[in-house]
Amino acid sequence: MPKASVTRNIGREKQKLIDFVLDIEKYPEFIPFCIDSKVYERNDHKDEIAIIADLTIGKRPFVDTYKSDVRYNKQDDTIHVTNIGGPLKHLENNWKFIQKDKFTEVHFDVDFEIKNKFLDMIMTKSFQYGLNKIADAFQKRAEKI
């Protein structure tokens, strides 16, 4: 089961970056291997924003769609994501945003397992490389917003 963490310092205000991460429908515009996205539900509560969304990811011929439950905790500026359907046996990722003087420190960690053991083995071998490409894409796009 691949696990990894990435920390980036991004020269943008914290809330702008949180809104950027929650704008899931724009992911295919800039995230490598993200082919499509769809938000089914978005509920903005007093302490939380809850989103149910699909992401279609992969590289042909290995393309799959998974459904996620995305929860933004307004009290501690964290985003917690878990899978609720698709090819993943397990998915948990977390975002933490810490405002500094002229930048925001963004922590991202991910832990997942694909149901298909062969694909899980392939992903485990290239996981850190892929995560760094995705983090680079997020940072590059975030610095332009």
N, C-alpha and C. Protein backbone atom coordinates (compact mmCIF):
# COMPACT_ATOMS: atom_id res chain seq x y z
N MET A 1 0.85 -1.17 0.00
CA MET A 1 0.00 0.00 0.00
C MET A 1 0.90 1.23 0.00
N PRO A 2 0.91 2.01 -1.09
CA PRO A 2 1.77 3.19 -1.14
C PRO A 2 1.32 4.27 -0.17
N LYS A 3 2.33 4.87 0.49
CA LYS A 3 2.11 6.02 1.37
C LYS A 3 3.20 7.03 1.07
N ALA A 4 2.86 8.29 1.08
CA ALA A 4 3.86 9.33 0.88
C ALA A 4 3.34 10.65 1.38
N SER A 5 4.28 11.58 1.60
CA SER A 5 3.94 12.93 2.03
C SER A 5 4.77 13.92 1.23
N VAL A 6 4.19 15.09 1.06
CA VAL A 6 4.86 16.17 0.36
C VAL A 6 4.53 17.46 1.10
N THR A 7 5.51 18.34 1.23
CA THR A 7 5.28 19.66 1.80
C THR A 7 5.79 20.69 0.80
N ARG A 8 4.99 21.71 0.55
CA ARG A 8 5.37 22.78 -0.37
C ARG A 8 5.08 24.13 0.27
N ASN A 9 5.92 25.09 0.00
CA ASN A 9 5.69 26.49 0.40
C ASN A 9 5.24 27.24 -0.85
N ILE A 10 4.03 27.76 -0.79
CA ILE A 10 3.43 28.40 -1.96
C ILE A 10 3.11 29.86 -1.63
N GLY A 11 3.56 30.74 -2.47
CA GLY A 11 3.40 32.18 -2.26
C GLY A 11 1.98 32.68 -2.51
N ARG A 12 1.02 32.11 -1.84
CA ARG A 12 -0.39 32.53 -1.93
C ARG A 12 -1.00 32.43 -0.54
N GLU A 13 -2.10 33.18 -0.34
CA GLU A 13 -2.77 33.12 0.96
C GLU A 13 -3.49 31.79 1.13
N LYS A 14 -3.58 31.39 2.37
CA LYS A 14 -4.14 30.08 2.74
C LYS A 14 -5.53 29.84 2.17
N GLN A 15 -6.45 30.76 2.35
CA GLN A 15 -7.83 30.52 1.91
C GLN A 15 -7.92 30.37 0.40
N LYS A 16 -7.11 31.11 -0.32
CA LYS A 16 -7.10 31.00 -1.78
C LYS A 16 -6.65 29.59 -2.19
N LEU A 17 -5.67 29.03 -1.49
CA LEU A 17 -5.20 27.68 -1.79
C LEU A 17 -6.23 26.61 -1.41
N ILE A 18 -6.92 26.82 -0.31
CA ILE A 18 -7.97 25.88 0.10
C ILE A 18 -9.08 25.86 -0.95
N ASP A 19 -9.51 27.03 -1.38
CA ASP A 19 -10.55 27.12 -2.41
C ASP A 19 -10.08 26.45 -3.71
N PHE A 20 -8.82 26.63 -4.02
CA PHE A 20 -8.22 26.03 -5.21
C PHE A 20 -8.27 24.50 -5.14
N VAL A 21 -7.91 23.93 -4.01
CA VAL A 21 -7.94 22.47 -3.85
C VAL A 21 -9.37 21.95 -3.91
N LEU A 22 -10.31 22.71 -3.38
CA LEU A 22 -11.71 22.27 -3.38
C LEU A 22 -12.39 22.45 -4.75
N ASP A 23 -11.75 23.10 -5.69
CA ASP A 23 -12.29 23.30 -7.04
C ASP A 23 -11.96 22.07 -7.91
N ILE A 24 -12.50 20.95 -7.53
CA ILE A 24 -12.17 19.64 -8.09
C ILE A 24 -12.46 19.56 -9.59
N GLU A 25 -13.48 20.24 -10.05
CA GLU A 25 -13.84 20.14 -11.47
C GLU A 25 -12.77 20.72 -12.40
N LYS A 26 -11.84 21.48 -11.88
CA LYS A 26 -10.76 22.03 -12.71
C LYS A 26 -9.51 21.14 -12.74
N TYR A 27 -9.47 20.08 -11.97
CA TYR A 27 -8.29 19.22 -11.92
C TYR A 27 -7.82 18.72 -13.29
N PRO A 28 -8.72 18.32 -14.19
CA PRO A 28 -8.23 17.81 -15.49
C PRO A 28 -7.46 18.86 -16.30
N GLU A 29 -7.62 20.13 -15.98
CA GLU A 29 -6.92 21.19 -16.71
C GLU A 29 -5.42 21.20 -16.43
N PHE A 30 -5.00 20.64 -15.28
CA PHE A 30 -3.59 20.78 -14.94
C PHE A 30 -2.94 19.60 -14.22
N ILE A 31 -3.71 18.64 -13.77
CA ILE A 31 -3.11 17.51 -13.05
C ILE A 31 -2.76 16.39 -14.02
N PRO A 32 -1.50 15.94 -13.98
CA PRO A 32 -1.12 14.82 -14.85
C PRO A 32 -1.97 13.58 -14.54
N PHE A 33 -2.36 12.88 -15.56
CA PHE A 33 -3.12 11.63 -15.46
C PHE A 33 -4.57 11.82 -15.02
N CYS A 34 -5.03 13.05 -14.81
CA CYS A 34 -6.43 13.30 -14.47
C CYS A 34 -7.17 13.62 -15.76
N ILE A 35 -8.07 12.73 -16.15
CA ILE A 35 -8.76 12.83 -17.44
C ILE A 35 -10.10 13.56 -17.31
N ASP A 36 -10.79 13.35 -16.18
CA ASP A 36 -12.10 13.95 -16.00
C ASP A 36 -12.41 14.06 -14.51
N SER A 37 -13.35 14.94 -14.17
CA SER A 37 -13.81 15.07 -12.79
C SER A 37 -15.27 15.50 -12.81
N LYS A 38 -15.97 15.14 -11.74
CA LYS A 38 -17.39 15.50 -11.64
C LYS A 38 -17.73 15.62 -10.16
N VAL A 39 -18.34 16.74 -9.80
CA VAL A 39 -18.82 16.94 -8.44
C VAL A 39 -20.31 16.63 -8.42
N TYR A 40 -20.72 15.70 -7.56
CA TYR A 40 -22.12 15.31 -7.43
C TYR A 40 -22.84 16.11 -6.37
N GLU A 41 -22.14 16.37 -5.28
CA GLU A 41 -22.74 17.10 -4.15
C GLU A 41 -21.71 18.04 -3.56
N ARG A 42 -22.18 19.19 -3.14
CA ARG A 42 -21.33 20.11 -2.39
C ARG A 42 -22.22 20.78 -1.36
N ASN A 43 -21.95 20.52 -0.09
CA ASN A 43 -22.74 21.08 1.00
C ASN A 43 -21.83 21.92 1.89
N ASP A 44 -22.19 23.19 2.02
CA ASP A 44 -21.41 24.11 2.83
C ASP A 44 -22.12 24.29 4.18
N HIS A 45 -21.52 23.73 5.21
CA HIS A 45 -22.07 23.82 6.56
C HIS A 45 -21.27 24.84 7.37
N LYS A 46 -21.70 25.07 8.57
CA LYS A 46 -21.03 26.06 9.44
C LYS A 46 -19.55 25.72 9.63
N ASP A 47 -19.24 24.49 9.97
CA ASP A 47 -17.86 24.10 10.29
C ASP A 47 -17.18 23.26 9.21
N GLU A 48 -17.91 22.94 8.14
CA GLU A 48 -17.37 21.98 7.18
C GLU A 48 -17.98 22.19 5.79
N ILE A 49 -17.18 21.90 4.78
CA ILE A 49 -17.69 21.76 3.42
C ILE A 49 -17.53 20.29 3.07
N ALA A 50 -18.61 19.66 2.62
CA ALA A 50 -18.60 18.24 2.26
C ALA A 50 -18.87 18.11 0.76
N ILE A 51 -18.01 17.36 0.09
CA ILE A 51 -18.11 17.19 -1.36
C ILE A 51 -18.04 15.70 -1.70
N ILE A 52 -18.91 15.28 -2.61
CA ILE A 52 -18.83 13.94 -3.19
C ILE A 52 -18.47 14.15 -4.66
N ALA A 53 -17.37 13.52 -5.09
CA ALA A 53 -16.88 13.77 -6.45
C ALA A 53 -16.22 12.53 -7.03
N ASP A 54 -16.22 12.48 -8.37
CA ASP A 54 -15.50 11.45 -9.13
C ASP A 54 -14.26 12.06 -9.76
N LEU A 55 -13.19 11.28 -9.80
CA LEU A 55 -12.02 11.61 -10.60
C LEU A 55 -11.75 10.42 -11.51
N THR A 56 -11.52 10.71 -12.78
CA THR A 56 -11.10 9.68 -13.72
C THR A 56 -9.62 9.90 -13.96
N ILE A 57 -8.84 8.88 -13.61
CA ILE A 57 -7.39 9.02 -13.69
C ILE A 57 -6.79 7.85 -14.46
N GLY A 58 -5.57 8.03 -14.91
CA GLY A 58 -4.85 6.95 -15.55
C GLY A 58 -4.14 7.39 -16.80
N LYS A 59 -3.63 6.40 -17.46
CA LYS A 59 -2.97 6.57 -18.75
C LYS A 59 -3.36 5.34 -19.55
N ARG A 60 -3.90 5.57 -20.71
CA ARG A 60 -4.40 4.46 -21.51
C ARG A 60 -3.38 3.36 -21.65
N PRO A 61 -3.72 2.12 -21.47
CA PRO A 61 -5.08 1.57 -21.36
C PRO A 61 -5.59 1.48 -19.92
N PHE A 62 -4.84 1.98 -18.95
CA PHE A 62 -5.22 1.87 -17.55
C PHE A 62 -5.92 3.15 -17.08
N VAL A 63 -7.23 3.22 -17.30
CA VAL A 63 -8.03 4.38 -16.91
C VAL A 63 -9.15 3.89 -16.01
N ASP A 64 -9.37 4.61 -14.90
CA ASP A 64 -10.43 4.23 -13.98
C ASP A 64 -11.00 5.47 -13.30
N THR A 65 -12.22 5.32 -12.80
CA THR A 65 -12.89 6.41 -12.10
C THR A 65 -13.13 5.98 -10.66
N TYR A 66 -12.81 6.88 -9.74
CA TYR A 66 -13.12 6.58 -8.34
C TYR A 66 -13.89 7.73 -7.72
N LYS A 67 -14.73 7.37 -6.80
CA LYS A 67 -15.60 8.34 -6.10
C LYS A 67 -15.00 8.62 -4.73
N SER A 68 -15.00 9.90 -4.36
CA SER A 68 -14.40 10.31 -3.09
C SER A 68 -15.35 11.15 -2.25
N ASP A 69 -15.15 11.05 -0.95
CA ASP A 69 -15.80 11.91 0.03
C ASP A 69 -14.73 12.90 0.49
N VAL A 70 -14.94 14.17 0.20
CA VAL A 70 -13.97 15.23 0.50
C VAL A 70 -14.56 16.10 1.61
N ARG A 71 -13.82 16.27 2.69
CA ARG A 71 -14.30 17.06 3.84
C ARG A 71 -13.30 18.14 4.20
N TYR A 72 -13.73 19.40 4.08
CA TYR A 72 -12.90 20.53 4.50
C TYR A 72 -13.35 20.97 5.87
N ASN A 73 -12.46 20.88 6.85
CA ASN A 73 -12.74 21.31 8.22
C ASN A 73 -12.33 22.78 8.34
N LYS A 74 -13.30 23.65 8.49
CA LYS A 74 -13.05 25.09 8.54
C LYS A 74 -12.33 25.52 9.81
N GLN A 75 -12.44 24.71 10.86
CA GLN A 75 -11.81 25.07 12.14
C GLN A 75 -10.29 24.93 12.11
N ASP A 76 -9.80 23.87 11.47
CA ASP A 76 -8.35 23.63 11.50
C ASP A 76 -7.70 23.66 10.11
N ASP A 77 -8.46 24.11 9.11
CA ASP A 77 -7.94 24.26 7.74
C ASP A 77 -7.30 22.97 7.21
N THR A 78 -8.04 21.88 7.35
CA THR A 78 -7.60 20.60 6.80
C THR A 78 -8.65 20.09 5.82
N ILE A 79 -8.18 19.30 4.89
CA ILE A 79 -9.06 18.61 3.95
C ILE A 79 -8.74 17.14 4.07
N HIS A 80 -9.77 16.33 4.29
CA HIS A 80 -9.61 14.89 4.44
C HIS A 80 -10.41 14.21 3.33
N VAL A 81 -9.77 13.30 2.60
CA VAL A 81 -10.40 12.62 1.47
C VAL A 81 -10.35 11.11 1.69
N THR A 82 -11.50 10.45 1.47
CA THR A 82 -11.56 8.99 1.51
C THR A 82 -12.32 8.51 0.28
N ASN A 83 -12.00 7.28 -0.15
CA ASN A 83 -12.73 6.73 -1.29
C ASN A 83 -14.03 6.10 -0.84
N ILE A 84 -15.03 6.17 -1.73
CA ILE A 84 -16.31 5.53 -1.45
C ILE A 84 -16.76 4.68 -2.63
N GLY A 85 -15.88 4.51 -3.62
CA GLY A 85 -16.21 3.66 -4.75
C GLY A 85 -15.14 3.70 -5.81
N GLY A 86 -15.09 2.65 -6.62
CA GLY A 86 -14.13 2.60 -7.72
C GLY A 86 -13.05 1.56 -7.51
N PRO A 87 -11.92 1.72 -8.19
CA PRO A 87 -10.89 0.69 -8.20
C PRO A 87 -10.01 0.65 -6.95
N LEU A 88 -10.22 1.59 -6.04
CA LEU A 88 -9.38 1.65 -4.86
C LEU A 88 -9.96 0.82 -3.72
N LYS A 89 -9.11 0.01 -3.15
CA LYS A 89 -9.50 -0.74 -1.96
C LYS A 89 -9.49 0.20 -0.76
N HIS A 90 -8.55 1.15 -0.81
CA HIS A 90 -8.38 2.09 0.29
C HIS A 90 -7.80 3.38 -0.25
N LEU A 91 -8.31 4.51 0.19
CA LEU A 91 -7.71 5.81 -0.10
C LEU A 91 -7.94 6.72 1.08
N GLU A 92 -6.89 7.37 1.48
CA GLU A 92 -7.00 8.40 2.50
C GLU A 92 -5.93 9.43 2.19
N ASN A 93 -6.35 10.66 1.98
CA ASN A 93 -5.35 11.71 1.86
C ASN A 93 -5.78 12.92 2.66
N ASN A 94 -4.77 13.67 3.07
CA ASN A 94 -4.99 14.80 3.95
C ASN A 94 -4.19 16.00 3.46
N TRP A 95 -4.83 17.16 3.54
CA TRP A 95 -4.19 18.43 3.24
C TRP A 95 -4.21 19.25 4.52
N LYS A 96 -3.12 19.95 4.78
CA LYS A 96 -3.05 20.88 5.92
C LYS A 96 -2.42 22.16 5.41
N PHE A 97 -3.03 23.30 5.73
CA PHE A 97 -2.60 24.60 5.25
C PHE A 97 -2.21 25.47 6.43
N ILE A 98 -0.98 25.99 6.42
CA ILE A 98 -0.49 26.83 7.51
C ILE A 98 0.01 28.15 6.92
N GLN A 99 -0.66 29.23 7.28
CA GLN A 99 -0.26 30.55 6.77
C GLN A 99 1.01 31.02 7.47
N LYS A 100 1.99 31.41 6.67
CA LYS A 100 3.24 32.00 7.17
C LYS A 100 3.24 33.46 6.73
N ASP A 101 4.35 34.17 6.87
CA ASP A 101 4.40 35.59 6.51
C ASP A 101 4.01 35.84 5.06
N LYS A 102 4.77 35.31 4.13
CA LYS A 102 4.54 35.62 2.71
C LYS A 102 4.17 34.40 1.89
N PHE A 103 3.87 33.31 2.55
CA PHE A 103 3.52 32.09 1.84
C PHE A 103 2.66 31.20 2.73
N THR A 104 2.12 30.16 2.13
CA THR A 104 1.38 29.15 2.89
C THR A 104 2.14 27.84 2.78
N GLU A 105 2.32 27.20 3.92
CA GLU A 105 2.95 25.88 3.96
C GLU A 105 1.82 24.85 3.76
N VAL A 106 1.96 24.05 2.72
CA VAL A 106 0.93 23.06 2.39
C VAL A 106 1.51 21.67 2.60
N HIS A 107 0.85 20.90 3.45
CA HIS A 107 1.24 19.51 3.70
C HIS A 107 0.21 18.61 3.04
N PHE A 108 0.68 17.62 2.31
CA PHE A 108 -0.22 16.67 1.64
C PHE A 108 0.32 15.28 1.89
N ASP A 109 -0.53 14.40 2.40
CA ASP A 109 -0.13 13.00 2.52
C ASP A 109 -1.20 12.12 1.92
N VAL A 110 -0.78 11.00 1.40
CA VAL A 110 -1.70 10.08 0.73
C VAL A 110 -1.32 8.64 1.06
N ASP A 111 -2.34 7.83 1.20
CA ASP A 111 -2.20 6.41 1.50
C ASP A 111 -3.30 5.71 0.71
N PHE A 112 -2.92 4.80 -0.20
CA PHE A 112 -3.96 4.13 -0.98
C PHE A 112 -3.54 2.71 -1.35
N GLU A 113 -4.54 1.93 -1.73
CA GLU A 113 -4.32 0.58 -2.25
C GLU A 113 -5.36 0.33 -3.34
N ILE A 114 -4.88 -0.17 -4.46
CA ILE A 114 -5.75 -0.50 -5.59
C ILE A 114 -6.23 -1.94 -5.43
N LYS A 115 -7.49 -2.18 -5.75
CA LYS A 115 -8.05 -3.53 -5.63
C LYS A 115 -7.29 -4.54 -6.49
N ASN A 116 -6.92 -4.16 -7.70
CA ASN A 116 -6.18 -5.02 -8.61
C ASN A 116 -4.73 -5.10 -8.14
N LYS A 117 -4.30 -6.26 -7.67
CA LYS A 117 -2.96 -6.43 -7.08
C LYS A 117 -1.85 -6.10 -8.07
N PHE A 118 -2.02 -6.45 -9.34
CA PHE A 118 -1.01 -6.17 -10.36
C PHE A 118 -0.83 -4.65 -10.53
N LEU A 119 -1.94 -3.94 -10.68
CA LEU A 119 -1.87 -2.49 -10.82
C LEU A 119 -1.33 -1.83 -9.55
N ASP A 120 -1.69 -2.39 -8.39
CA ASP A 120 -1.20 -1.85 -7.13
C ASP A 120 0.32 -1.97 -7.07
N MET A 121 0.84 -3.10 -7.54
CA MET A 121 2.28 -3.31 -7.54
C MET A 121 2.98 -2.31 -8.47
N ILE A 122 2.40 -2.08 -9.64
CA ILE A 122 2.97 -1.12 -10.59
C ILE A 122 2.95 0.29 -9.99
N MET A 123 1.82 0.67 -9.40
CA MET A 123 1.69 2.00 -8.82
C MET A 123 2.65 2.20 -7.65
N THR A 124 2.87 1.16 -6.86
CA THR A 124 3.78 1.27 -5.73
C THR A 124 5.18 1.63 -6.20
N LYS A 125 5.61 1.05 -7.30
CA LYS A 125 6.96 1.30 -7.81
C LYS A 125 7.15 2.72 -8.34
N SER A 126 6.11 3.31 -8.89
CA SER A 126 6.25 4.64 -9.49
C SER A 126 5.52 5.73 -8.70
N PHE A 127 5.10 5.39 -7.50
CA PHE A 127 4.23 6.28 -6.74
C PHE A 127 4.88 7.61 -6.37
N GLN A 128 6.07 7.59 -5.80
CA GLN A 128 6.71 8.84 -5.37
C GLN A 128 6.94 9.77 -6.55
N TYR A 129 7.35 9.22 -7.68
CA TYR A 129 7.55 10.01 -8.90
C TYR A 129 6.23 10.67 -9.31
N GLY A 130 5.16 9.88 -9.34
CA GLY A 130 3.85 10.41 -9.73
C GLY A 130 3.35 11.46 -8.76
N LEU A 131 3.55 11.23 -7.47
CA LEU A 131 3.11 12.20 -6.47
C LEU A 131 3.86 13.52 -6.63
N ASN A 132 5.15 13.45 -6.89
CA ASN A 132 5.92 14.68 -7.10
C ASN A 132 5.45 15.43 -8.34
N LYS A 133 5.11 14.71 -9.41
CA LYS A 133 4.59 15.37 -10.62
C LYS A 133 3.26 16.07 -10.32
N ILE A 134 2.41 15.42 -9.55
CA ILE A 134 1.12 16.01 -9.20
C ILE A 134 1.32 17.23 -8.29
N ALA A 135 2.21 17.10 -7.29
CA ALA A 135 2.48 18.24 -6.40
C ALA A 135 3.07 19.40 -7.18
N ASP A 136 3.97 19.12 -8.13
CA ASP A 136 4.53 20.18 -8.98
C ASP A 136 3.43 20.88 -9.77
N ALA A 137 2.50 20.10 -10.32
CA ALA A 137 1.40 20.66 -11.11
C ALA A 137 0.50 21.54 -10.25
N PHE A 138 0.19 21.08 -9.03
CA PHE A 138 -0.63 21.88 -8.12
C PHE A 138 0.08 23.19 -7.80
N GLN A 139 1.37 23.10 -7.46
CA GLN A 139 2.10 24.30 -7.07
C GLN A 139 2.20 25.28 -8.22
N LYS A 140 2.52 24.78 -9.40
CA LYS A 140 2.65 25.66 -10.58
C LYS A 140 1.34 26.39 -10.85
N ARG A 141 0.24 25.65 -10.83
CA ARG A 141 -1.08 26.25 -11.09
C ARG A 141 -1.46 27.22 -9.95
N ALA A 142 -1.21 26.81 -8.69
CA ALA A 142 -1.57 27.64 -7.54
C ALA A 142 -0.84 28.97 -7.57
N GLU A 143 0.39 28.97 -8.03
CA GLU A 143 1.16 30.21 -8.07
C GLU A 143 0.65 31.17 -9.13
N LYS A 144 -0.18 30.67 -10.05
CA LYS A 144 -0.76 31.52 -11.10
C LYS A 144 -2.11 32.09 -10.72
N ILE A 145 -2.77 31.53 -9.70
CA ILE A 145 -4.11 32.00 -9.35
C ILE A 145 -4.07 33.32 -8.60
